Amino acid sequence: MKQKVINVEYRKDSNTFPEWMKYEVTILNEDSTTQKIPAYGKDLQDALSRVVHDKKVGNLQKKTKSVPMNAWIAVWFGYLAILISAYLVTQNFWIYVSGLVSALLLVGGLTVWGREKNKDRE
């Protein structure tokens, strides 16, 4: 069994953002403990999707933080070495540029996706 939502209570409308509502979501964890999470959204489905998104972000952050920084540095320099060797073989500068741009877009996209959506919107 994974986590399940067992109860959702409507709390109030947001003062700052008129179209947002605050809910309190009660989740049943795998070990039979309950957890109450405040959820904000334009409707109940939006609020629940934000809770799920934040859980996914938290799981991904746990996994990436468990990898030592030296490993991330080694992956980065390995990637740069592959780009440089591809450039030296083909003499095509755009391979190197497109490789760097795609790496920056990947990191930027993950940074934007990794932001918590369920922040206080009172």
Protein backbone atom coordinates (compact mmCIF):
# COMPACT_ATOMS: atom_id res chain seq x y z
CA MET A 1 0.00 0.00 0.00
CA LYS A 2 1.23 3.45 -0.82
CA GLN A 3 0.02 6.66 0.71
CA LYS A 4 -3.71 7.35 0.48
CA VAL A 5 -5.76 10.47 1.00
CA ILE A 6 -8.35 9.63 3.61
CA ASN A 7 -9.84 13.05 4.33
CA VAL A 8 -9.85 16.55 2.85
CA GLU A 9 -11.26 19.56 4.65
CA TYR A 10 -11.91 22.94 3.11
CA ARG A 11 -10.41 25.67 5.31
CA LYS A 12 -10.89 29.07 3.68
CA ASP A 13 -10.45 31.22 0.61
CA SER A 14 -7.09 32.89 0.16
CA ASN A 15 -6.90 36.57 1.08
CA THR A 16 -3.98 37.34 -1.24
CA PHE A 17 -5.10 35.30 -4.25
CA PRO A 18 -8.91 35.50 -4.57
CA GLU A 19 -9.28 32.45 -6.83
CA TRP A 20 -7.25 30.14 -4.54
CA MET A 21 -8.58 27.98 -1.71
CA LYS A 22 -6.90 26.32 1.23
CA TYR A 23 -7.55 22.67 2.06
CA GLU A 24 -6.20 20.42 4.76
CA VAL A 25 -5.37 16.97 3.38
CA THR A 26 -5.06 13.98 5.71
CA ILE A 27 -2.83 11.25 4.29
CA LEU A 28 -2.56 7.66 5.52
CA ASN A 29 1.08 6.58 5.23
CA GLU A 30 2.36 3.06 4.58
CA ASP A 31 3.11 2.55 8.28
CA SER A 32 -0.51 3.42 9.25
CA THR A 33 0.37 6.87 10.57
CA THR A 34 -1.56 9.91 9.43
CA GLN A 35 -0.15 13.18 8.25
CA LYS A 36 -1.96 16.49 7.72
CA ILE A 37 -0.73 18.66 4.87
CA PRO A 38 -2.05 22.11 3.94
CA ALA A 39 -2.89 22.22 0.23
CA TYR A 40 -3.56 25.24 -1.90
CA GLY A 41 -5.25 25.29 -5.28
CA LYS A 42 -7.92 26.74 -7.51
CA ASP A 43 -10.02 23.66 -6.82
CA LEU A 44 -9.66 20.37 -4.96
CA GLN A 45 -8.12 18.54 -7.91
CA ASP A 46 -5.49 21.27 -8.33
CA ALA A 47 -4.66 21.17 -4.61
CA LEU A 48 -4.27 17.38 -4.64
CA SER A 49 -2.09 17.50 -7.75
CA ARG A 50 0.16 20.00 -5.97
CA VAL A 51 0.50 17.65 -3.00
CA VAL A 52 1.46 14.79 -5.34
CA HIS A 53 3.94 17.03 -7.18
CA ASP A 54 5.60 18.09 -3.94
CA LYS A 55 5.92 14.43 -2.87
CA LYS A 56 7.61 13.58 -6.18
CA VAL A 57 9.97 16.54 -5.83
CA GLY A 58 10.84 15.48 -2.29
CA ASN A 59 11.62 11.92 -3.39
CA LEU A 60 13.81 13.16 -6.25
CA GLN A 61 15.66 15.55 -3.94
CA LYS A 62 16.39 12.73 -1.49
CA LYS A 63 17.88 10.62 -4.27
CA THR A 64 19.98 13.41 -5.78
CA LYS A 65 21.29 14.55 -2.40
CA SER A 66 22.45 11.01 -1.64
CA VAL A 67 24.89 11.20 -4.58
CA PRO A 68 28.18 12.82 -3.47
CA MET A 69 29.17 16.12 -5.05
CA ASN A 70 32.35 14.54 -6.43
CA ALA A 71 30.20 12.20 -8.53
CA TRP A 72 28.21 15.13 -9.99
CA ILE A 73 31.47 16.93 -10.82
CA ALA A 74 32.82 13.78 -12.48
CA VAL A 75 29.64 13.42 -14.55
CA TRP A 76 29.87 17.07 -15.65
CA PHE A 77 33.52 16.81 -16.70
CA GLY A 78 32.82 13.49 -18.42
CA TYR A 79 30.03 15.13 -20.38
CA LEU A 80 32.34 18.01 -21.34
CA ALA A 81 35.02 15.52 -22.43
CA ILE A 82 32.52 13.76 -24.70
CA LEU A 83 31.46 17.09 -26.22
CA ILE A 84 35.05 18.19 -26.78
CA SER A 85 36.03 14.85 -28.34
CA ALA A 86 32.99 15.00 -30.65
CA TYR A 87 34.00 18.53 -31.64
CA LEU A 88 37.60 17.46 -32.32
CA VAL A 89 36.52 14.53 -34.49
CA THR A 90 33.95 16.43 -36.56
CA GLN A 91 35.32 19.99 -36.34
CA ASN A 92 31.70 21.10 -36.01
CA PHE A 93 31.47 23.85 -33.39
CA TRP A 94 27.67 23.52 -33.18
CA ILE A 95 27.95 20.09 -31.56
CA TYR A 96 29.76 21.67 -28.62
CA VAL A 97 27.40 24.66 -28.42
CA SER A 98 24.23 22.57 -28.70
CA GLY A 99 25.57 20.16 -26.06
CA LEU A 100 26.16 22.99 -23.60
CA VAL A 101 22.80 24.61 -24.34
CA SER A 102 20.95 21.31 -23.89
CA ALA A 103 22.73 20.69 -20.57
CA LEU A 104 21.79 24.17 -19.35
CA LEU A 105 18.18 23.70 -20.50
CA LEU A 106 18.00 20.35 -18.69
CA VAL A 107 19.32 21.81 -15.44
CA GLY A 108 17.07 24.87 -15.76
CA GLY A 109 14.02 22.76 -16.54
CA LEU A 110 14.66 20.50 -13.56
CA THR A 111 15.12 23.55 -11.35
CA VAL A 112 11.78 25.01 -12.42
CA TRP A 113 10.01 21.65 -12.10
CA GLY A 114 11.61 21.04 -8.71
CA ARG A 115 10.08 24.07 -7.03
CA GLU A 116 7.46 23.28 -4.48
CA LYS A 117 4.04 24.32 -5.70
CA ASN A 118 2.19 23.97 -2.45
CA LYS A 119 3.46 27.09 -0.73
CA ASP A 120 1.48 29.30 1.59
CA ARG A 121 -0.93 31.40 -0.47
CA GLU A 122 -2.82 33.17 2.29
